[in-house]
Amino acid sequence: MGQSSPTVLASGPIARSGDAISIELHQPDSMPATVRVVWATAPTITTPARYNEVASAALQLLAEASTMFARFKASKRL
């Protein structure tokens, strides 16, 4: 059986360095659905003064993905 393209639940930058997070819903035909959180390819580096900004951006994207995931469940597409 084939695999469908992932649905991006949320994606965006978390630091001014260009680091980003992508949260994807994968629904392969022959396996259970999974959620994949893709962090930057290298560690995210920030100063202590900017830590709250980075943490807030990451949590905001996770919250957005959680909301989108709930919509999928409510519409019975999952």
N, C-alpha and C. Protein backbone atom coordinates (compact mmCIF):
# COMPACT_ATOMS: atom_id res chain seq x y z
N MET A 1 0.84 -1.18 0.00
CA MET A 1 0.00 0.00 0.00
C MET A 1 0.88 1.24 0.00
N GLY A 2 0.38 2.34 -0.58
CA GLY A 2 1.16 3.56 -0.67
C GLY A 2 1.09 4.38 0.60
N GLN A 3 1.90 5.40 0.62
CA GLN A 3 1.93 6.30 1.78
C GLN A 3 1.51 7.68 1.32
N SER A 4 0.57 8.28 2.05
CA SER A 4 0.12 9.62 1.71
C SER A 4 1.16 10.65 2.12
N SER A 5 1.06 11.83 1.54
CA SER A 5 1.95 12.92 1.91
C SER A 5 1.63 13.37 3.32
N PRO A 6 2.63 13.78 4.09
CA PRO A 6 2.34 14.26 5.44
C PRO A 6 1.54 15.57 5.40
N THR A 7 0.75 15.76 6.42
CA THR A 7 0.02 17.01 6.61
C THR A 7 0.77 17.83 7.63
N VAL A 8 1.18 19.04 7.27
CA VAL A 8 1.90 19.90 8.19
C VAL A 8 0.88 20.53 9.14
N LEU A 9 1.00 20.19 10.42
CA LEU A 9 0.10 20.74 11.43
C LEU A 9 0.54 22.13 11.85
N ALA A 10 1.85 22.36 11.88
CA ALA A 10 2.41 23.68 12.20
C ALA A 10 3.87 23.68 11.79
N SER A 11 4.37 24.83 11.44
CA SER A 11 5.77 24.96 11.05
C SER A 11 6.17 26.42 11.17
N GLY A 12 7.39 26.65 11.61
CA GLY A 12 7.84 28.02 11.68
C GLY A 12 9.16 28.17 12.40
N PRO A 13 9.71 29.37 12.35
CA PRO A 13 11.00 29.64 12.99
C PRO A 13 10.86 29.71 14.51
N ILE A 14 11.93 29.33 15.20
CA ILE A 14 11.93 29.44 16.66
C ILE A 14 13.05 30.33 17.16
N ALA A 15 13.93 30.72 16.26
CA ALA A 15 15.05 31.60 16.65
C ALA A 15 15.43 32.45 15.46
N ARG A 16 16.05 33.55 15.74
CA ARG A 16 16.48 34.46 14.67
C ARG A 16 17.56 33.85 13.79
N SER A 17 18.15 32.78 14.24
CA SER A 17 19.20 32.11 13.47
C SER A 17 18.62 31.35 12.28
N GLY A 18 17.29 31.24 12.22
CA GLY A 18 16.66 30.50 11.14
C GLY A 18 16.26 29.10 11.53
N ASP A 19 16.58 28.67 12.75
CA ASP A 19 16.15 27.35 13.20
C ASP A 19 14.62 27.29 13.19
N ALA A 20 14.10 26.13 12.85
CA ALA A 20 12.65 25.99 12.73
C ALA A 20 12.20 24.63 13.25
N ILE A 21 10.90 24.56 13.54
CA ILE A 21 10.25 23.31 13.91
C ILE A 21 9.14 23.06 12.90
N SER A 22 8.96 21.82 12.54
CA SER A 22 7.84 21.42 11.71
C SER A 22 7.17 20.24 12.41
N ILE A 23 5.85 20.31 12.57
CA ILE A 23 5.10 19.22 13.18
C ILE A 23 4.18 18.67 12.10
N GLU A 24 4.35 17.37 11.78
CA GLU A 24 3.67 16.75 10.66
C GLU A 24 2.83 15.55 11.12
N LEU A 25 1.68 15.39 10.50
CA LEU A 25 0.84 14.22 10.71
C LEU A 25 1.05 13.28 9.53
N HIS A 26 1.49 12.06 9.83
CA HIS A 26 1.70 11.04 8.81
C HIS A 26 0.60 9.99 8.96
N GLN A 27 -0.07 9.68 7.86
CA GLN A 27 -1.14 8.69 7.87
C GLN A 27 -0.92 7.67 6.76
N PRO A 28 0.05 6.76 6.95
CA PRO A 28 0.29 5.75 5.93
C PRO A 28 -0.91 4.80 5.82
N ASP A 29 -1.10 4.25 4.64
CA ASP A 29 -2.24 3.38 4.38
C ASP A 29 -2.23 2.12 5.25
N SER A 30 -1.06 1.56 5.49
CA SER A 30 -1.00 0.24 6.12
C SER A 30 -0.47 0.27 7.56
N MET A 31 -0.35 1.47 8.14
CA MET A 31 0.19 1.59 9.50
C MET A 31 -0.62 2.64 10.26
N PRO A 32 -0.52 2.64 11.60
CA PRO A 32 -1.19 3.67 12.38
C PRO A 32 -0.61 5.06 12.09
N ALA A 33 -1.44 6.07 12.28
CA ALA A 33 -0.98 7.45 12.09
C ALA A 33 0.06 7.81 13.14
N THR A 34 0.96 8.71 12.78
CA THR A 34 1.99 9.20 13.69
C THR A 34 2.13 10.70 13.53
N VAL A 35 2.63 11.34 14.59
CA VAL A 35 2.95 12.77 14.54
C VAL A 35 4.48 12.86 14.63
N ARG A 36 5.06 13.61 13.73
CA ARG A 36 6.52 13.74 13.66
C ARG A 36 6.89 15.19 13.95
N VAL A 37 7.73 15.40 14.95
CA VAL A 37 8.23 16.73 15.26
C VAL A 37 9.65 16.81 14.72
N VAL A 38 9.86 17.70 13.76
CA VAL A 38 11.16 17.85 13.12
C VAL A 38 11.79 19.14 13.62
N TRP A 39 12.85 19.00 14.40
CA TRP A 39 13.57 20.15 14.94
C TRP A 39 14.66 20.53 13.96
N ALA A 40 15.30 21.63 14.18
CA ALA A 40 16.43 22.07 13.35
C ALA A 40 17.45 20.95 13.22
N THR A 41 18.21 20.99 12.15
CA THR A 41 19.20 19.93 11.89
C THR A 41 20.38 19.99 12.85
N ALA A 42 20.54 21.09 13.53
CA ALA A 42 21.62 21.24 14.51
C ALA A 42 21.02 21.86 15.77
N PRO A 43 21.74 21.83 16.87
CA PRO A 43 21.20 22.44 18.09
C PRO A 43 20.85 23.91 17.89
N THR A 44 19.79 24.33 18.52
CA THR A 44 19.40 25.74 18.49
C THR A 44 20.21 26.46 19.56
N ILE A 45 20.95 27.47 19.16
CA ILE A 45 21.80 28.23 20.08
C ILE A 45 21.18 29.61 20.27
N THR A 46 21.08 30.02 21.53
CA THR A 46 20.56 31.35 21.83
C THR A 46 21.25 31.89 23.08
N THR A 47 21.12 33.16 23.30
CA THR A 47 21.67 33.76 24.51
C THR A 47 20.67 33.60 25.65
N PRO A 48 21.12 33.67 26.88
CA PRO A 48 20.17 33.61 28.00
C PRO A 48 19.08 34.69 27.90
N ALA A 49 19.42 35.85 27.39
CA ALA A 49 18.44 36.93 27.27
C ALA A 49 17.34 36.60 26.26
N ARG A 50 17.62 35.76 25.27
CA ARG A 50 16.65 35.42 24.24
C ARG A 50 16.00 34.05 24.46
N TYR A 51 16.39 33.36 25.52
CA TYR A 51 15.86 32.02 25.77
C TYR A 51 14.32 32.02 25.83
N ASN A 52 13.73 32.97 26.54
CA ASN A 52 12.27 33.02 26.65
C ASN A 52 11.61 33.17 25.28
N GLU A 53 12.22 33.93 24.39
CA GLU A 53 11.69 34.13 23.04
C GLU A 53 11.68 32.81 22.27
N VAL A 54 12.77 32.05 22.36
CA VAL A 54 12.88 30.77 21.66
C VAL A 54 11.89 29.76 22.23
N ALA A 55 11.84 29.66 23.56
CA ALA A 55 10.92 28.73 24.20
C ALA A 55 9.47 29.08 23.87
N SER A 56 9.13 30.34 23.88
CA SER A 56 7.78 30.78 23.57
C SER A 56 7.40 30.43 22.14
N ALA A 57 8.31 30.66 21.20
CA ALA A 57 8.04 30.35 19.79
C ALA A 57 7.83 28.85 19.60
N ALA A 58 8.65 28.04 20.25
CA ALA A 58 8.51 26.58 20.14
C ALA A 58 7.17 26.13 20.71
N LEU A 59 6.81 26.62 21.87
CA LEU A 59 5.55 26.22 22.49
C LEU A 59 4.34 26.72 21.70
N GLN A 60 4.45 27.88 21.10
CA GLN A 60 3.36 28.40 20.28
C GLN A 60 3.12 27.49 19.08
N LEU A 61 4.18 27.02 18.45
CA LEU A 61 4.03 26.11 17.31
C LEU A 61 3.46 24.77 17.75
N LEU A 62 3.89 24.26 18.90
CA LEU A 62 3.33 23.00 19.41
C LEU A 62 1.85 23.16 19.73
N ALA A 63 1.46 24.30 20.29
CA ALA A 63 0.04 24.55 20.59
C ALA A 63 -0.78 24.63 19.30
N GLU A 64 -0.24 25.29 18.30
CA GLU A 64 -0.92 25.38 17.00
C GLU A 64 -1.11 24.00 16.40
N ALA A 65 -0.07 23.16 16.48
CA ALA A 65 -0.16 21.81 15.95
C ALA A 65 -1.20 21.00 16.72
N SER A 66 -1.24 21.18 18.02
CA SER A 66 -2.22 20.47 18.85
C SER A 66 -3.64 20.85 18.45
N THR A 67 -3.88 22.11 18.17
CA THR A 67 -5.19 22.58 17.75
C THR A 67 -5.56 21.98 16.40
N MET A 68 -4.63 21.97 15.46
CA MET A 68 -4.89 21.38 14.15
C MET A 68 -5.16 19.88 14.27
N PHE A 69 -4.42 19.20 15.14
CA PHE A 69 -4.60 17.77 15.35
C PHE A 69 -6.01 17.51 15.91
N ALA A 70 -6.44 18.33 16.83
CA ALA A 70 -7.79 18.18 17.40
C ALA A 70 -8.86 18.37 16.32
N ARG A 71 -8.62 19.29 15.39
CA ARG A 71 -9.57 19.48 14.29
C ARG A 71 -9.64 18.24 13.40
N PHE A 72 -8.50 17.60 13.14
CA PHE A 72 -8.48 16.38 12.36
C PHE A 72 -9.29 15.29 13.05
N LYS A 73 -9.09 15.15 14.35
CA LYS A 73 -9.82 14.14 15.11
C LYS A 73 -11.32 14.43 15.10
N ALA A 74 -11.68 15.69 15.28
CA ALA A 74 -13.09 16.07 15.33
C ALA A 74 -13.78 15.84 13.98
N SER A 75 -13.03 16.02 12.90
CA SER A 75 -13.62 15.82 11.56
C SER A 75 -13.55 14.37 11.13
N LYS A 76 -13.04 13.52 12.01
CA LYS A 76 -12.93 12.07 11.77
C LYS A 76 -12.04 11.75 10.58
N ARG A 77 -11.06 12.63 10.31
CA ARG A 77 -10.08 12.34 9.26
C ARG A 77 -8.91 11.55 9.82
N LEU A 78 -9.02 11.16 11.07
CA LEU A 78 -7.94 10.41 11.73
C LEU A 78 -8.54 9.21 12.40
